[in-house]
Amino acid sequence: MPAIQCSPQVEALRSAVTTRRSIRQFTEEPIPEDVLQDCLDMALLAPNSSNLQMWNFYRVTTPDKRAQLVKACMSQKAAKTAAELIVCTGHTRNWRRHAKEILVQWPGGNPPKVVQQYYGGLAQFMYGTVPLDMLGLGARAKKTVRDAIGLVRPMMRTPNTGTDMQLWAAKSVALACENLMLALRAYDFDSCPMEGFDEDRVRRICGYGRHEFTVMVIAAGRRHEKGIYHEQIRFDRTRFVHEI
């Protein structure tokens, strides 16, 4: 099979993807402010469900809060040595406000009728939950309606419950986190997405409410020569790539 002729853009992406590693130790070099802000801007360009942008990024810079966050991240070396610590969260309630704002900020100021119907109506059914649904009856009723529609035509079966909403938001947040980490790598900086943290402590440190949850904490900086612990391990692609 002849070699693929790749454009410079593909090679640049390939370099960022293949050289990105989870770095466990960073040098003391800071990330320039303009570089970090550009990387965050690229994170916010990530694809997300219905463009509802249900994410937040908390850059923890206050020395006291940073020390608390390092401890909340189990004092991992990646957290202790990082130039930057960014808490990435999902939000399960801000979609209502964002749905309204999309209609206001629509390019040209006149969203098509189908867009108005989606954000003003269908989205309310797709993502809305019944207030004070303590027994989960609203979620069950919603699932019943969806399953009934699904008998005659394809239908999104979730989200219905609060747990479904968290999963829904987490998918989009994870895409933004990948954008952030690849952007850092393109600037020759590195990252470590950490899942080892105390959720309750991280929540108190950042000060967000019960409808927001931590997806990951990203440590970022310049990789130390001892920052990679071993060669990358991946199973054979045939285990995961399927044709049906």
C-alpha atoms as a PDB file:
ATOM      1  CA  MET A   1       0.000   0.000   0.000  1.00  0.00           C
ATOM      2  CA  PRO A   2       1.530   3.362  -1.001  1.00  0.00           C
ATOM      3  CA  ALA A   3       2.461   5.805   1.737  1.00  0.00           C
ATOM      4  CA  ILE A   4      -0.170   8.410   2.560  1.00  0.00           C
ATOM      5  CA  GLN A   5       0.782  11.895   1.409  1.00  0.00           C
ATOM      6  CA  CYS A   6      -0.100  14.093   4.391  1.00  0.00           C
ATOM      7  CA  SER A   7      -0.544  17.835   4.493  1.00  0.00           C
ATOM      8  CA  PRO A   8       1.390  19.984   7.000  1.00  0.00           C
ATOM      9  CA  GLN A   9      -1.831  20.346   8.997  1.00  0.00           C
ATOM     10  CA  VAL A  10      -2.163  16.578   9.347  1.00  0.00           C
ATOM     11  CA  GLU A  11       1.472  16.224  10.369  1.00  0.00           C
ATOM     12  CA  ALA A  12       1.091  18.990  12.944  1.00  0.00           C
ATOM     13  CA  LEU A  13      -1.950  17.233  14.403  1.00  0.00           C
ATOM     14  CA  ARG A  14      -0.203  13.880  14.307  1.00  0.00           C
ATOM     15  CA  SER A  15       2.742  15.352  16.195  1.00  0.00           C
ATOM     16  CA  ALA A  16       0.486  16.790  18.906  1.00  0.00           C
ATOM     17  CA  VAL A  17      -1.465  13.529  19.253  1.00  0.00           C
ATOM     18  CA  THR A  18       1.491  11.141  19.229  1.00  0.00           C
ATOM     19  CA  THR A  19       3.741  13.169  21.525  1.00  0.00           C
ATOM     20  CA  ARG A  20       1.035  13.931  24.080  1.00  0.00           C
ATOM     21  CA  ARG A  21       1.628  11.925  27.227  1.00  0.00           C
ATOM     22  CA  SER A  22       0.318  12.111  30.765  1.00  0.00           C
ATOM     23  CA  ILE A  23       3.237  13.849  32.438  1.00  0.00           C
ATOM     24  CA  ARG A  24       3.801  12.996  36.102  1.00  0.00           C
ATOM     25  CA  GLN A  25       6.446  15.617  36.843  1.00  0.00           C
ATOM     26  CA  PHE A  26       6.927  19.130  35.498  1.00  0.00           C
ATOM     27  CA  THR A  27       9.758  21.654  35.541  1.00  0.00           C
ATOM     28  CA  GLU A  28       9.449  25.016  37.307  1.00  0.00           C
ATOM     29  CA  GLU A  29       8.990  26.855  33.997  1.00  0.00           C
ATOM     30  CA  PRO A  30       5.696  28.799  33.896  1.00  0.00           C
ATOM     31  CA  ILE A  31       3.315  28.720  30.963  1.00  0.00           C
ATOM     32  CA  PRO A  32       3.150  32.201  29.369  1.00  0.00           C
ATOM     33  CA  GLU A  33      -0.185  33.858  30.088  1.00  0.00           C
ATOM     34  CA  ASP A  34      -1.036  34.424  26.427  1.00  0.00           C
ATOM     35  CA  VAL A  35      -0.277  30.785  25.633  1.00  0.00           C
ATOM     36  CA  LEU A  36      -2.508  29.473  28.408  1.00  0.00           C
ATOM     37  CA  GLN A  37      -5.376  31.775  27.475  1.00  0.00           C
ATOM     38  CA  ASP A  38      -5.116  30.706  23.836  1.00  0.00           C
ATOM     39  CA  CYS A  39      -5.223  27.056  24.888  1.00  0.00           C
ATOM     40  CA  LEU A  40      -8.331  27.710  26.992  1.00  0.00           C
ATOM     41  CA  ASP A  41      -9.945  29.486  24.040  1.00  0.00           C
ATOM     42  CA  MET A  42      -9.267  26.418  21.888  1.00  0.00           C
ATOM     43  CA  ALA A  43     -10.777  24.208  24.584  1.00  0.00           C
ATOM     44  CA  LEU A  44     -13.988  26.228  24.363  1.00  0.00           C
ATOM     45  CA  LEU A  45     -14.200  25.500  20.638  1.00  0.00           C
ATOM     46  CA  ALA A  46     -14.725  21.793  21.308  1.00  0.00           C
ATOM     47  CA  PRO A  47     -17.832  20.118  19.899  1.00  0.00           C
ATOM     48  CA  ASN A  48     -20.583  19.735  22.466  1.00  0.00           C
ATOM     49  CA  SER A  49     -24.145  18.518  22.650  1.00  0.00           C
ATOM     50  CA  SER A  50     -26.555  20.967  20.984  1.00  0.00           C
ATOM     51  CA  ASN A  51     -23.902  23.684  21.441  1.00  0.00           C
ATOM     52  CA  LEU A  52     -25.174  24.152  25.000  1.00  0.00           C
ATOM     53  CA  GLN A  53     -21.617  24.450  26.388  1.00  0.00           C
ATOM     54  CA  MET A  54     -22.264  22.908  29.799  1.00  0.00           C
ATOM     55  CA  TRP A  55     -18.732  23.267  31.134  1.00  0.00           C
ATOM     56  CA  ASN A  56     -16.592  25.433  33.385  1.00  0.00           C
ATOM     57  CA  PHE A  57     -12.828  25.667  33.799  1.00  0.00           C
ATOM     58  CA  TYR A  58     -11.439  26.833  37.138  1.00  0.00           C
ATOM     59  CA  ARG A  59      -7.817  27.943  36.956  1.00  0.00           C
ATOM     60  CA  VAL A  60      -6.629  27.700  40.550  1.00  0.00           C
ATOM     61  CA  THR A  61      -3.913  30.290  41.177  1.00  0.00           C
ATOM     62  CA  THR A  62      -4.434  31.500  44.752  1.00  0.00           C
ATOM     63  CA  PRO A  63      -1.542  29.979  46.753  1.00  0.00           C
ATOM     64  CA  ASP A  64      -3.744  28.766  49.599  1.00  0.00           C
ATOM     65  CA  LYS A  65      -6.377  27.243  47.308  1.00  0.00           C
ATOM     66  CA  ARG A  66      -3.685  25.716  45.130  1.00  0.00           C
ATOM     67  CA  ALA A  67      -2.110  24.039  48.170  1.00  0.00           C
ATOM     68  CA  GLN A  68      -5.532  22.709  49.161  1.00  0.00           C
ATOM     69  CA  LEU A  69      -6.136  21.443  45.619  1.00  0.00           C
ATOM     70  CA  VAL A  70      -2.804  19.630  45.525  1.00  0.00           C
ATOM     71  CA  LYS A  71      -3.765  17.875  48.747  1.00  0.00           C
ATOM     72  CA  ALA A  72      -7.238  17.108  47.373  1.00  0.00           C
ATOM     73  CA  CYS A  73      -5.514  15.499  44.374  1.00  0.00           C
ATOM     74  CA  MET A  74      -3.814  13.068  46.730  1.00  0.00           C
ATOM     75  CA  SER A  75      -0.590  15.110  46.579  1.00  0.00           C
ATOM     76  CA  GLN A  76       0.289  13.532  43.242  1.00  0.00           C
ATOM     77  CA  LYS A  77       3.637  14.681  41.889  1.00  0.00           C
ATOM     78  CA  ALA A  78       1.891  15.948  38.749  1.00  0.00           C
ATOM     79  CA  ALA A  79      -0.258  18.236  40.914  1.00  0.00           C
ATOM     80  CA  LYS A  80       2.610  19.346  43.157  1.00  0.00           C
ATOM     81  CA  THR A  81       4.958  20.281  40.296  1.00  0.00           C
ATOM     82  CA  ALA A  82       2.484  21.654  37.717  1.00  0.00           C
ATOM     83  CA  ALA A  83       2.745  25.248  36.551  1.00  0.00           C
ATOM     84  CA  GLU A  84      -1.046  25.332  36.251  1.00  0.00           C
ATOM     85  CA  LEU A  85      -3.923  23.414  37.815  1.00  0.00           C
ATOM     86  CA  ILE A  86      -7.261  23.597  36.016  1.00  0.00           C
ATOM     87  CA  VAL A  87     -10.428  22.034  37.404  1.00  0.00           C
ATOM     88  CA  CYS A  88     -12.761  21.010  34.572  1.00  0.00           C
ATOM     89  CA  THR A  89     -16.415  20.650  35.488  1.00  0.00           C
ATOM     90  CA  GLY A  90     -19.727  19.769  33.933  1.00  0.00           C
ATOM     91  CA  HIS A  91     -22.985  21.571  34.699  1.00  0.00           C
ATOM     92  CA  THR A  92     -26.394  19.917  34.434  1.00  0.00           C
ATOM     93  CA  ARG A  93     -28.577  23.027  34.765  1.00  0.00           C
ATOM     94  CA  ASN A  94     -26.952  25.869  32.808  1.00  0.00           C
ATOM     95  CA  TRP A  95     -28.314  24.495  29.514  1.00  0.00           C
ATOM     96  CA  ARG A  96     -31.631  26.353  29.970  1.00  0.00           C
ATOM     97  CA  ARG A  97     -29.954  29.764  30.119  1.00  0.00           C
ATOM     98  CA  HIS A  98     -27.618  28.848  27.276  1.00  0.00           C
ATOM     99  CA  ALA A  99     -30.525  27.705  25.092  1.00  0.00           C
ATOM    100  CA  LYS A 100     -32.106  31.145  25.465  1.00  0.00           C
ATOM    101  CA  GLU A 101     -28.820  32.946  24.865  1.00  0.00           C
ATOM    102  CA  ILE A 102     -28.131  31.028  21.658  1.00  0.00           C
ATOM    103  CA  LEU A 103     -31.349  32.457  20.197  1.00  0.00           C
ATOM    104  CA  VAL A 104     -30.305  35.968  21.277  1.00  0.00           C
ATOM    105  CA  GLN A 105     -26.743  35.636  19.954  1.00  0.00           C
ATOM    106  CA  TRP A 106     -27.640  33.875  16.709  1.00  0.00           C
ATOM    107  CA  PRO A 107     -25.556  35.292  13.805  1.00  0.00           C
ATOM    108  CA  GLY A 108     -27.556  38.004  12.090  1.00  0.00           C
ATOM    109  CA  GLY A 109     -30.013  38.151  14.975  1.00  0.00           C
ATOM    110  CA  ASN A 110     -32.740  36.131  13.246  1.00  0.00           C
ATOM    111  CA  PRO A 111     -32.513  32.389  13.968  1.00  0.00           C
ATOM    112  CA  PRO A 112     -34.398  30.140  11.540  1.00  0.00           C
ATOM    113  CA  LYS A 113     -37.755  28.834  12.674  1.00  0.00           C
ATOM    114  CA  VAL A 114     -36.397  25.301  13.117  1.00  0.00           C
ATOM    115  CA  VAL A 115     -33.699  26.655  15.444  1.00  0.00           C
ATOM    116  CA  GLN A 116     -36.272  28.580  17.480  1.00  0.00           C
ATOM    117  CA  GLN A 117     -38.428  25.469  17.740  1.00  0.00           C
ATOM    118  CA  TYR A 118     -35.499  23.339  18.841  1.00  0.00           C
ATOM    119  CA  TYR A 119     -34.095  25.586  21.579  1.00  0.00           C
ATOM    120  CA  GLY A 120     -37.485  26.904  22.623  1.00  0.00           C
ATOM    121  CA  GLY A 121     -39.313  23.609  22.637  1.00  0.00           C
ATOM    122  CA  LEU A 122     -37.700  20.279  21.809  1.00  0.00           C
ATOM    123  CA  ALA A 123     -34.585  20.924  23.889  1.00  0.00           C
ATOM    124  CA  GLN A 124     -36.801  21.583  26.892  1.00  0.00           C
ATOM    125  CA  PHE A 125     -38.214  18.071  26.559  1.00  0.00           C
ATOM    126  CA  MET A 126     -34.903  16.417  25.703  1.00  0.00           C
ATOM    127  CA  TYR A 127     -32.933  17.814  28.630  1.00  0.00           C
ATOM    128  CA  GLY A 128     -35.539  19.075  31.069  1.00  0.00           C
ATOM    129  CA  THR A 129     -36.191  17.382  34.375  1.00  0.00           C
ATOM    130  CA  VAL A 130     -39.240  17.613  36.604  1.00  0.00           C
ATOM    131  CA  PRO A 131     -38.555  19.915  39.606  1.00  0.00           C
ATOM    132  CA  LEU A 132     -38.533  18.155  42.979  1.00  0.00           C
ATOM    133  CA  ASP A 133     -38.920  14.776  41.276  1.00  0.00           C
ATOM    134  CA  MET A 134     -37.935  13.015  44.500  1.00  0.00           C
ATOM    135  CA  LEU A 135     -39.405   9.639  43.524  1.00  0.00           C
ATOM    136  CA  GLY A 136     -38.111   9.692  39.967  1.00  0.00           C
ATOM    137  CA  LEU A 137     -41.655   9.563  38.598  1.00  0.00           C
ATOM    138  CA  GLY A 138     -40.991  12.327  36.084  1.00  0.00           C
ATOM    139  CA  ALA A 139     -37.923  10.517  34.759  1.00  0.00           C
ATOM    140  CA  ARG A 140     -39.913   7.307  34.393  1.00  0.00           C
ATOM    141  CA  ALA A 141     -42.738   9.087  32.600  1.00  0.00           C
ATOM    142  CA  LYS A 142     -40.257  10.761  30.288  1.00  0.00           C
ATOM    143  CA  LYS A 143     -38.600   7.443  29.508  1.00  0.00           C
ATOM    144  CA  THR A 144     -41.988   5.882  28.814  1.00  0.00           C
ATOM    145  CA  VAL A 145     -42.820   8.623  26.313  1.00  0.00           C
ATOM    146  CA  ARG A 146     -39.456   8.247  24.603  1.00  0.00           C
ATOM    147  CA  ASP A 147     -39.758   4.468  24.416  1.00  0.00           C
ATOM    148  CA  ALA A 148     -43.253   4.781  22.941  1.00  0.00           C
ATOM    149  CA  ILE A 149     -42.007   7.161  20.245  1.00  0.00           C
ATOM    150  CA  GLY A 150     -39.091   4.807  19.672  1.00  0.00           C
ATOM    151  CA  LEU A 151     -41.502   2.069  18.651  1.00  0.00           C
ATOM    152  CA  VAL A 152     -42.377   3.952  15.463  1.00  0.00           C
ATOM    153  CA  ARG A 153     -39.227   5.961  14.713  1.00  0.00           C
ATOM    154  CA  PRO A 154     -35.681   6.506  15.980  1.00  0.00           C
ATOM    155  CA  MET A 155     -35.685   8.425  19.241  1.00  0.00           C
ATOM    156  CA  MET A 156     -33.066   9.636  21.723  1.00  0.00           C
ATOM    157  CA  ARG A 157     -33.732   7.488  24.799  1.00  0.00           C
ATOM    158  CA  THR A 158     -31.680   9.575  27.254  1.00  0.00           C
ATOM    159  CA  PRO A 159     -31.065  11.711  29.251  1.00  0.00           C
ATOM    160  CA  ASN A 160     -33.908  11.161  31.697  1.00  0.00           C
ATOM    161  CA  THR A 161     -32.416  11.097  35.192  1.00  0.00           C
ATOM    162  CA  GLY A 162     -29.907  13.285  36.990  1.00  0.00           C
ATOM    163  CA  THR A 163     -27.273  10.598  36.434  1.00  0.00           C
ATOM    164  CA  ASP A 164     -28.078  10.620  32.706  1.00  0.00           C
ATOM    165  CA  MET A 165     -27.592  14.400  32.686  1.00  0.00           C
ATOM    166  CA  GLN A 166     -24.178  14.077  34.308  1.00  0.00           C
ATOM    167  CA  LEU A 167     -23.086  11.578  31.678  1.00  0.00           C
ATOM    168  CA  TRP A 168     -24.495  13.819  28.952  1.00  0.00           C
ATOM    169  CA  ALA A 169     -22.522  16.818  30.185  1.00  0.00           C
ATOM    170  CA  ALA A 170     -19.353  14.829  30.917  1.00  0.00           C
ATOM    171  CA  LYS A 171     -19.079  13.710  27.292  1.00  0.00           C
ATOM    172  CA  SER A 172     -18.834  17.305  26.105  1.00  0.00           C
ATOM    173  CA  VAL A 173     -16.495  18.373  28.909  1.00  0.00           C
ATOM    174  CA  ALA A 174     -14.135  15.513  28.041  1.00  0.00           C
ATOM    175  CA  LEU A 175     -13.995  16.707  24.429  1.00  0.00           C
ATOM    176  CA  ALA A 176     -13.054  20.194  25.625  1.00  0.00           C
ATOM    177  CA  CYS A 177     -10.389  18.734  27.915  1.00  0.00           C
ATOM    178  CA  GLU A 178      -8.835  16.913  24.968  1.00  0.00           C
ATOM    179  CA  ASN A 179      -8.800  20.162  22.998  1.00  0.00           C
ATOM    180  CA  LEU A 180      -7.033  21.831  25.904  1.00  0.00           C
ATOM    181  CA  MET A 181      -4.408  19.110  26.249  1.00  0.00           C
ATOM    182  CA  LEU A 182      -3.667  18.981  22.513  1.00  0.00           C
ATOM    183  CA  ALA A 183      -3.430  22.765  22.374  1.00  0.00           C
ATOM    184  CA  LEU A 184      -0.883  22.696  25.199  1.00  0.00           C
ATOM    185  CA  ARG A 185       1.112  20.026  23.355  1.00  0.00           C
ATOM    186  CA  ALA A 186       1.060  22.113  20.162  1.00  0.00           C
ATOM    187  CA  TYR A 187       2.728  24.876  22.176  1.00  0.00           C
ATOM    188  CA  ASP A 188       5.283  22.306  23.407  1.00  0.00           C
ATOM    189  CA  PHE A 189       3.785  22.182  26.895  1.00  0.00           C
ATOM    190  CA  ASP A 190       2.253  19.137  28.512  1.00  0.00           C
ATOM    191  CA  SER A 191      -0.517  17.979  30.776  1.00  0.00           C
ATOM    192  CA  CYS A 192      -1.776  15.247  33.035  1.00  0.00           C
ATOM    193  CA  PRO A 193      -5.547  14.637  33.299  1.00  0.00           C
ATOM    194  CA  MET A 194      -6.076  13.528  36.878  1.00  0.00           C
ATOM    195  CA  GLU A 195      -9.049  11.534  38.124  1.00  0.00           C
ATOM    196  CA  GLY A 196      -7.495  10.829  41.517  1.00  0.00           C
ATOM    197  CA  PHE A 197      -9.063  13.552  43.652  1.00  0.00           C
ATOM    198  CA  ASP A 198     -11.456  14.102  46.519  1.00  0.00           C
ATOM    199  CA  GLU A 199     -14.614  15.351  44.811  1.00  0.00           C
ATOM    200  CA  ASP A 200     -16.075  17.029  47.913  1.00  0.00           C
ATOM    201  CA  ARG A 201     -12.876  18.904  48.695  1.00  0.00           C
ATOM    202  CA  VAL A 202     -12.389  20.040  45.091  1.00  0.00           C
ATOM    203  CA  ARG A 203     -15.981  21.314  45.075  1.00  0.00           C
ATOM    204  CA  ARG A 204     -15.419  23.353  48.243  1.00  0.00           C
ATOM    205  CA  ILE A 205     -12.138  24.773  46.968  1.00  0.00           C
ATOM    206  CA  CYS A 206     -13.678  25.986  43.711  1.00  0.00           C
ATOM    207  CA  GLY A 207     -16.994  26.947  45.292  1.00  0.00           C
ATOM    208  CA  TYR A 208     -19.435  25.457  42.801  1.00  0.00           C
ATOM    209  CA  GLY A 209     -22.868  24.113  43.618  1.00  0.00           C
ATOM    210  CA  ARG A 210     -24.594  20.755  43.609  1.00  0.00           C
ATOM    211  CA  HIS A 211     -25.577  20.891  39.927  1.00  0.00           C
ATOM    212  CA  GLU A 212     -21.918  21.062  38.906  1.00  0.00           C
ATOM    213  CA  PHE A 213     -19.490  18.155  39.110  1.00  0.00           C
ATOM    214  CA  THR A 214     -15.782  17.587  38.566  1.00  0.00           C
ATOM    215  CA  VAL A 215     -14.859  15.708  35.394  1.00  0.00           C
ATOM    216  CA  MET A 216     -11.087  15.954  35.825  1.00  0.00           C
ATOM    217  CA  VAL A 217      -8.299  18.134  37.125  1.00  0.00           C
ATOM    218  CA  ILE A 218      -5.671  18.962  34.523  1.00  0.00           C
ATOM    219  CA  ALA A 219      -2.100  19.625  35.620  1.00  0.00           C
ATOM    220  CA  ALA A 220      -0.087  21.500  33.000  1.00  0.00           C
ATOM    221  CA  GLY A 221       3.443  22.729  32.433  1.00  0.00           C
ATOM    222  CA  ARG A 222       6.747  21.905  30.799  1.00  0.00           C
ATOM    223  CA  ARG A 223       7.571  18.215  31.047  1.00  0.00           C
ATOM    224  CA  HIS A 224      10.466  17.211  33.278  1.00  0.00           C
ATOM    225  CA  GLU A 225      12.954  14.689  31.955  1.00  0.00           C
ATOM    226  CA  LYS A 226      11.581  12.306  34.595  1.00  0.00           C
ATOM    227  CA  GLY A 227       7.970  13.141  33.798  1.00  0.00           C
ATOM    228  CA  ILE A 228       7.266  10.007  31.738  1.00  0.00           C
ATOM    229  CA  TYR A 229       7.419   6.864  33.819  1.00  0.00           C
ATOM    230  CA  HIS A 230       7.456   4.253  31.023  1.00  0.00           C
ATOM    231  CA  GLU A 231       6.913   3.727  27.323  1.00  0.00           C
ATOM    232  CA  GLN A 232       3.351   4.077  26.091  1.00  0.00           C
ATOM    233  CA  ILE A 233       1.312   0.879  26.148  1.00  0.00           C
ATOM    234  CA  ARG A 234      -1.610   0.284  23.803  1.00  0.00           C
ATOM    235  CA  PHE A 235      -3.384  -2.976  23.035  1.00  0.00           C
ATOM    236  CA  ASP A 236      -3.647  -4.156  19.445  1.00  0.00           C
ATOM    237  CA  ARG A 237      -6.133  -2.035  17.499  1.00  0.00           C
ATOM    238  CA  THR A 238      -8.080  -5.107  16.373  1.00  0.00           C
ATOM    239  CA  ARG A 239      -9.412  -5.364  19.923  1.00  0.00           C
ATOM    240  CA  PHE A 240     -11.192  -2.037  19.552  1.00  0.00           C
ATOM    241  CA  VAL A 241     -11.703  -1.222  15.865  1.00  0.00           C
ATOM    242  CA  HIS A 242     -14.628  -3.146  14.368  1.00  0.00           C
ATOM    243  CA  GLU A 243     -16.403  -3.246  11.030  1.00  0.00           C
ATOM    244  CA  ILE A 244     -20.013  -4.390  10.970  1.00  0.00           C
END
